[in-house]
Amino acid sequence: MFLGFSQTKEIDSLFIELAFQKQDSTKVVPYLHLIKSLYALKEYDRGIKYVQASEKLSYSFNYQKGIAETTFYKALYYAEKNDYINAISGFAKAKNLFIEQRDTIAVAKVHNSIGTLESTAATLLKV
C-alpha cells in the first residue's frame, strides 16, 4: 500500500523535474527513473511514451549509457506486451551496448531478463 503511494509521489516529483530541466543529456537520467518507476507500477502504456522520449534524447546527444538503458527498458516493455520478437531483439541490442561500455552488471541483468522471457514463452507454448 505504502509502496504505491511512495512511487506515485516519486513519479510526480520526476514529472516536475523533467518539466523544468533543459533539453540535454542530463535529462535522460530522470527519464530513466520515471521509466523504471512506471515499469514497477505496471503502467506499460504510459511508460513506453517516456521510453521513446528518452531514446530520442539519448540519440540526439549520443549519450551511450542512456541509449543502452533505454534500449533495455524498451525490451522489457515489449516483453510485458508479449511481443517476444522485439523483446529478444531489444535485449540483444542492449547487451551489445552494455558490452561496449564494459558494464558487466548490466549484461548480467540482460541475461536474466532473456532467461525470464524464454521461460515465460516456454510455459505459454506448453499450454
Protein backbone atom coordinates (compact mmCIF):
# COMPACT_ATOMS: atom_id res chain seq x y z
CA MET A 1 0.00 0.00 0.00
CA PHE A 2 2.66 2.50 1.03
CA LEU A 3 4.91 1.41 -1.82
CA GLY A 4 2.34 2.55 -4.40
CA PHE A 5 1.92 5.90 -2.67
CA SER A 6 5.69 6.33 -2.39
CA GLN A 7 6.17 5.56 -6.09
CA THR A 8 3.35 7.89 -7.10
CA LYS A 9 4.98 10.70 -5.12
CA GLU A 10 8.33 9.89 -6.78
CA ILE A 11 6.70 9.91 -10.22
CA ASP A 12 5.08 13.29 -9.55
CA SER A 13 8.46 14.64 -8.46
CA LEU A 14 10.10 13.30 -11.64
CA PHE A 15 7.43 14.94 -13.82
CA ILE A 16 8.17 18.28 -12.17
CA GLU A 17 11.92 17.78 -12.57
CA LEU A 18 11.51 16.92 -16.26
CA ALA A 19 9.30 19.95 -16.89
CA PHE A 20 11.96 22.39 -15.67
CA GLN A 21 15.12 20.69 -16.87
CA LYS A 22 16.86 21.92 -20.00
CA GLN A 23 16.90 19.67 -23.06
CA ASP A 24 20.29 17.94 -22.82
CA SER A 25 21.74 14.54 -21.92
CA THR A 26 21.27 15.14 -18.17
CA LYS A 27 17.51 14.97 -18.76
CA VAL A 28 17.86 11.28 -19.66
CA VAL A 29 18.57 10.30 -16.03
CA PRO A 30 15.20 11.48 -14.67
CA TYR A 31 13.52 9.91 -17.70
CA LEU A 32 15.15 6.59 -16.79
CA HIS A 33 14.00 6.90 -13.18
CA LEU A 34 10.48 7.63 -14.41
CA ILE A 35 10.58 4.67 -16.81
CA LYS A 36 11.72 2.33 -14.02
CA SER A 37 9.01 3.60 -11.67
CA LEU A 38 6.26 3.23 -14.25
CA TYR A 39 7.51 -0.26 -15.08
CA ALA A 40 7.39 -1.22 -11.39
CA LEU A 41 3.80 0.04 -11.23
CA LYS A 42 2.97 -1.97 -14.40
CA GLU A 43 1.96 1.22 -16.23
CA TYR A 44 3.37 -0.05 -19.51
CA ASP A 45 1.40 2.10 -21.93
CA ARG A 46 2.32 5.24 -20.05
CA GLY A 47 5.93 4.16 -19.63
CA ILE A 48 6.58 3.38 -23.28
CA LYS A 49 5.94 7.05 -24.13
CA TYR A 50 8.81 8.06 -21.86
CA VAL A 51 10.99 5.28 -23.23
CA GLN A 52 10.54 6.82 -26.68
CA ALA A 53 11.28 10.33 -25.40
CA SER A 54 14.38 9.13 -23.54
CA GLU A 55 15.54 7.17 -26.58
CA LYS A 56 15.17 10.20 -28.85
CA LEU A 57 17.02 12.45 -26.42
CA SER A 58 19.80 9.90 -25.82
CA TYR A 59 20.40 9.52 -29.55
CA SER A 60 20.31 13.26 -30.17
CA PHE A 61 23.19 13.77 -27.71
CA ASN A 62 24.87 10.42 -28.49
CA TYR A 63 24.57 9.54 -24.80
CA GLN A 64 25.62 5.89 -24.95
CA LYS A 65 24.63 4.92 -21.40
CA GLY A 66 21.18 6.43 -21.95
CA ILE A 67 20.82 4.61 -25.27
CA ALA A 68 21.74 1.29 -23.65
CA GLU A 69 19.44 1.72 -20.63
CA THR A 70 16.56 2.94 -22.76
CA THR A 71 17.02 0.03 -25.17
CA PHE A 72 16.93 -2.38 -22.23
CA TYR A 73 13.73 -0.91 -20.80
CA LYS A 74 12.13 -0.79 -24.23
CA ALA A 75 12.79 -4.55 -24.49
CA LEU A 76 11.25 -5.09 -21.03
CA TYR A 77 8.15 -3.21 -22.11
CA TYR A 78 7.94 -5.32 -25.29
CA ALA A 79 8.21 -8.45 -23.15
CA GLU A 80 5.32 -7.31 -20.98
CA LYS A 81 3.25 -6.78 -24.12
CA ASN A 82 4.10 -10.38 -25.21
CA ASP A 83 5.99 -9.02 -28.23
CA TYR A 84 8.75 -11.59 -27.91
CA ILE A 85 10.45 -10.92 -31.24
CA ASN A 86 11.01 -7.22 -30.47
CA ALA A 87 11.87 -8.04 -26.85
CA ILE A 88 14.61 -10.52 -27.80
CA SER A 89 15.91 -8.15 -30.48
CA GLY A 90 15.97 -5.29 -27.96
CA PHE A 91 17.72 -7.37 -25.31
CA ALA A 92 20.38 -8.42 -27.84
CA LYS A 93 20.95 -4.78 -28.82
CA ALA A 94 21.07 -3.66 -25.18
CA LYS A 95 23.51 -6.46 -24.34
CA ASN A 96 25.87 -5.36 -27.12
CA LEU A 97 25.66 -1.73 -26.00
CA PHE A 98 26.43 -2.72 -22.39
CA ILE A 99 29.35 -4.90 -23.56
CA GLU A 100 30.77 -1.89 -25.44
CA GLN A 101 30.57 0.07 -22.18
CA ARG A 102 32.12 -2.82 -20.23
CA ASP A 103 29.11 -2.82 -17.88
CA THR A 104 29.12 -6.45 -16.73
CA ILE A 105 26.33 -5.93 -14.18
CA ALA A 106 24.02 -4.61 -16.89
CA VAL A 107 24.97 -7.52 -19.19
CA ALA A 108 24.00 -9.92 -16.39
CA LYS A 109 20.71 -8.01 -15.98
CA VAL A 110 20.02 -8.53 -19.70
CA HIS A 111 20.84 -12.25 -19.46
CA ASN A 112 18.44 -12.56 -16.52
CA SER A 113 15.68 -10.84 -18.48
CA ILE A 114 16.27 -13.07 -21.51
CA GLY A 115 16.06 -16.14 -19.28
CA THR A 116 12.82 -14.94 -17.74
CA LEU A 117 11.37 -14.19 -21.17
CA GLU A 118 12.36 -17.60 -22.56
CA SER A 119 10.95 -19.35 -19.50
CA THR A 120 7.66 -17.48 -19.85
CA ALA A 121 7.47 -18.22 -23.58
CA ALA A 122 8.20 -21.92 -22.96
CA THR A 123 5.44 -22.08 -20.35
CA LEU A 124 2.96 -20.46 -22.72
CA LEU A 125 3.85 -22.86 -25.53
CA LYS A 126 3.13 -25.90 -23.30
CA VAL A 127 -0.44 -24.78 -22.68
